[in-house]
Amino acid sequence: MTEDVSWVPEDEWEVVVDNVPIVSVDLLVQHEGGILLGLRENEPVKGEWFVPGGAVLKNETLDEAVQRVAKTELGCEVDVVERLGSFEHFYESSEIDGIDRKHYVAQAFVVTPTEPINAPDDQHSELRVFTPPFDDLHPYMTRYLDHMDLTTQ
């Protein structure tokens, strides 16, 4: 990982969330014949089944961000199978009091774990493998799954 990777200080992060689209990586984790999703414990999409993901840090490559998110949220490294491309996500909530909108430009990656997946992190209360048909998932999850070739798992 690049040595000068950095995160925005918390007070400045509020300004970023309020004014700037956030570049992020989302991981569509192929696991046990399905897609692994986490039950979100924080905004946006609190209470929804969603892919692991996170903001790309300054001076961090997308590949480095994928591995950092996998290690942080899944406790393992992953192999990238496919890059699905860019997706825009607009939310009517955020984790910051007083900021009621959040905008992501998400880079979606299909990945497979290279080692056992660990317990969920503090962003997810549970991890679960979903298989087709994918009913009652957040529309952004449905859009991801529509772009995947699920026959190659």
Protein backbone atom coordinates (compact mmCIF):
# COMPACT_ATOMS: atom_id res chain seq x y z
CA MET A 1 0.00 0.00 0.00
CA THR A 2 1.17 3.51 -0.73
CA GLU A 3 2.82 4.97 2.37
CA ASP A 4 1.18 8.39 2.24
CA VAL A 5 -2.43 7.11 2.12
CA SER A 6 -4.56 9.27 4.35
CA TRP A 7 -8.08 9.71 5.59
CA VAL A 8 -9.87 13.05 5.83
CA PRO A 9 -10.01 14.37 9.43
CA GLU A 10 -13.49 13.94 10.95
CA ASP A 11 -14.44 17.64 11.01
CA GLU A 12 -13.41 18.00 7.36
CA TRP A 13 -15.19 14.78 6.39
CA GLU A 14 -18.50 16.48 7.19
CA VAL A 15 -17.70 19.17 4.61
CA VAL A 16 -16.77 16.50 2.05
CA VAL A 17 -19.97 14.48 2.59
CA ASP A 18 -22.06 17.64 2.38
CA ASN A 19 -20.45 18.90 -0.84
CA VAL A 20 -18.59 16.24 -2.82
CA PRO A 21 -19.39 12.84 -4.39
CA ILE A 22 -17.38 10.14 -2.63
CA VAL A 23 -15.32 7.71 -4.69
CA SER A 24 -15.70 4.24 -3.23
CA VAL A 25 -15.20 0.54 -3.89
CA ASP A 26 -17.99 -2.01 -3.43
CA LEU A 27 -17.19 -5.72 -3.22
CA LEU A 28 -19.55 -8.29 -4.68
CA VAL A 29 -18.19 -11.29 -2.82
CA GLN A 30 -18.83 -14.63 -4.54
CA HIS A 31 -19.08 -17.16 -1.72
CA GLU A 32 -20.64 -20.61 -1.27
CA GLY A 33 -22.57 -20.42 -4.56
CA GLY A 34 -24.02 -16.96 -3.95
CA ILE A 35 -23.22 -13.36 -3.05
CA LEU A 36 -22.21 -12.42 0.49
CA LEU A 37 -24.04 -9.39 1.89
CA GLY A 38 -23.90 -7.71 5.27
CA LEU A 39 -26.81 -6.34 7.31
CA ARG A 40 -25.91 -2.64 7.64
CA GLU A 41 -25.76 -1.09 11.10
CA ASN A 42 -24.99 2.47 9.98
CA GLU A 43 -26.27 5.01 7.48
CA PRO A 44 -26.73 5.16 4.65
CA VAL A 45 -28.94 2.10 4.08
CA LYS A 46 -29.06 1.12 7.74
CA GLY A 47 -31.04 -2.10 8.12
CA GLU A 48 -30.47 -3.21 4.50
CA TRP A 49 -28.48 -6.13 3.13
CA PHE A 50 -25.59 -4.54 1.27
CA VAL A 51 -22.15 -5.31 -0.14
CA PRO A 52 -19.01 -4.53 1.82
CA GLY A 53 -17.52 -1.26 0.64
CA GLY A 54 -15.83 1.96 1.55
CA ALA A 55 -14.33 5.22 0.41
CA VAL A 56 -11.08 5.26 -1.51
CA LEU A 57 -8.40 7.07 0.47
CA LYS A 58 -6.13 9.75 -0.97
CA ASN A 59 -3.14 8.18 -2.77
CA GLU A 60 -4.70 4.71 -2.55
CA THR A 61 -5.18 2.71 -5.74
CA LEU A 62 -8.51 1.01 -6.38
CA ASP A 63 -6.84 -2.40 -5.93
CA GLU A 64 -5.40 -1.29 -2.60
CA ALA A 65 -8.82 -0.01 -1.53
CA VAL A 66 -10.42 -3.35 -2.45
CA GLN A 67 -7.91 -5.24 -0.28
CA ARG A 68 -8.22 -2.77 2.64
CA VAL A 69 -12.03 -2.99 2.61
CA ALA A 70 -11.89 -6.81 2.38
CA LYS A 71 -9.47 -7.03 5.30
CA THR A 72 -11.45 -4.52 7.39
CA GLU A 73 -14.99 -5.75 6.69
CA LEU A 74 -14.41 -9.45 5.99
CA GLY A 75 -11.15 -10.20 7.77
CA CYS A 76 -9.58 -11.71 4.65
CA GLU A 77 -7.87 -10.94 1.37
CA VAL A 78 -9.68 -11.39 -1.94
CA ASP A 79 -8.95 -12.05 -5.59
CA VAL A 80 -10.59 -9.69 -8.08
CA VAL A 81 -12.60 -11.71 -10.61
CA GLU A 82 -14.12 -8.83 -12.54
CA ARG A 83 -14.51 -5.08 -12.45
CA LEU A 84 -18.17 -4.30 -13.10
CA GLY A 85 -17.57 -0.58 -13.60
CA SER A 86 -18.83 2.65 -12.06
CA PHE A 87 -22.21 3.11 -10.42
CA GLU A 88 -23.75 6.22 -8.87
CA HIS A 89 -25.56 5.93 -5.56
CA PHE A 90 -27.69 8.73 -4.15
CA TYR A 91 -28.92 8.42 -0.58
CA GLU A 92 -31.41 10.43 1.44
CA SER A 93 -29.41 9.86 4.63
CA SER A 94 -25.86 9.89 5.97
CA GLU A 95 -24.04 8.94 9.15
CA ILE A 96 -23.52 12.62 10.00
CA ASP A 97 -26.14 14.55 11.99
CA GLY A 98 -27.49 17.48 9.97
CA ILE A 99 -26.42 16.08 6.58
CA ASP A 100 -29.34 14.29 4.99
CA ARG A 101 -27.88 13.37 1.60
CA LYS A 102 -24.89 11.34 0.47
CA HIS A 103 -23.57 10.72 -3.05
CA TYR A 104 -21.18 7.92 -4.01
CA VAL A 105 -19.43 7.11 -7.26
CA ALA A 106 -18.86 3.43 -6.55
CA GLN A 107 -16.39 1.23 -8.38
CA ALA A 108 -17.86 -2.28 -8.22
CA PHE A 109 -15.64 -5.36 -8.11
CA VAL A 110 -16.61 -9.03 -8.16
CA VAL A 111 -14.22 -10.80 -5.77
CA THR A 112 -13.61 -14.20 -4.18
CA PRO A 113 -12.06 -14.70 -0.74
CA THR A 114 -8.59 -16.27 -0.67
CA GLU A 115 -8.95 -17.33 2.97
CA PRO A 116 -11.82 -17.91 5.43
CA ILE A 117 -14.11 -14.94 6.04
CA ASN A 118 -13.96 -13.64 9.60
CA ALA A 119 -16.82 -12.31 11.79
CA PRO A 120 -18.69 -9.19 10.65
CA ASP A 121 -17.21 -5.79 11.43
CA ASP A 122 -18.90 -2.93 13.31
CA GLN A 123 -20.75 -1.83 10.15
CA HIS A 124 -22.60 -5.16 9.80
CA SER A 125 -24.47 -7.15 12.43
CA GLU A 126 -24.59 -10.25 10.27
CA LEU A 127 -23.18 -11.68 7.05
CA ARG A 128 -25.31 -13.92 4.82
CA VAL A 129 -24.96 -15.59 1.43
CA PHE A 130 -27.81 -14.77 -0.97
CA THR A 131 -28.63 -16.95 -3.98
CA PRO A 132 -31.05 -16.38 -6.88
CA PRO A 133 -33.77 -15.34 -6.96
CA PHE A 134 -32.65 -12.16 -5.22
CA ASP A 135 -35.87 -10.86 -3.67
CA ASP A 136 -36.36 -7.82 -1.47
CA LEU A 137 -32.85 -6.42 -1.80
CA HIS A 138 -32.00 -2.73 -2.01
CA PRO A 139 -32.33 -1.44 -5.61
CA TYR A 140 -28.59 -0.74 -5.78
CA MET A 141 -27.90 -4.40 -4.94
CA THR A 142 -30.34 -5.50 -7.64
CA ARG A 143 -28.57 -3.27 -10.16
CA TYR A 144 -25.21 -4.81 -9.27
CA LEU A 145 -26.58 -8.34 -9.54
CA ASP A 146 -28.16 -7.54 -12.93
CA HIS A 147 -24.66 -6.70 -14.23
CA MET A 148 -23.05 -9.90 -12.94
CA ASP A 149 -22.70 -13.19 -14.74
CA LEU A 150 -23.98 -15.48 -12.01
CA THR A 151 -23.48 -18.61 -14.10
CA THR A 152 -19.70 -18.60 -13.60
CA GLN A 153 -19.70 -19.15 -9.84
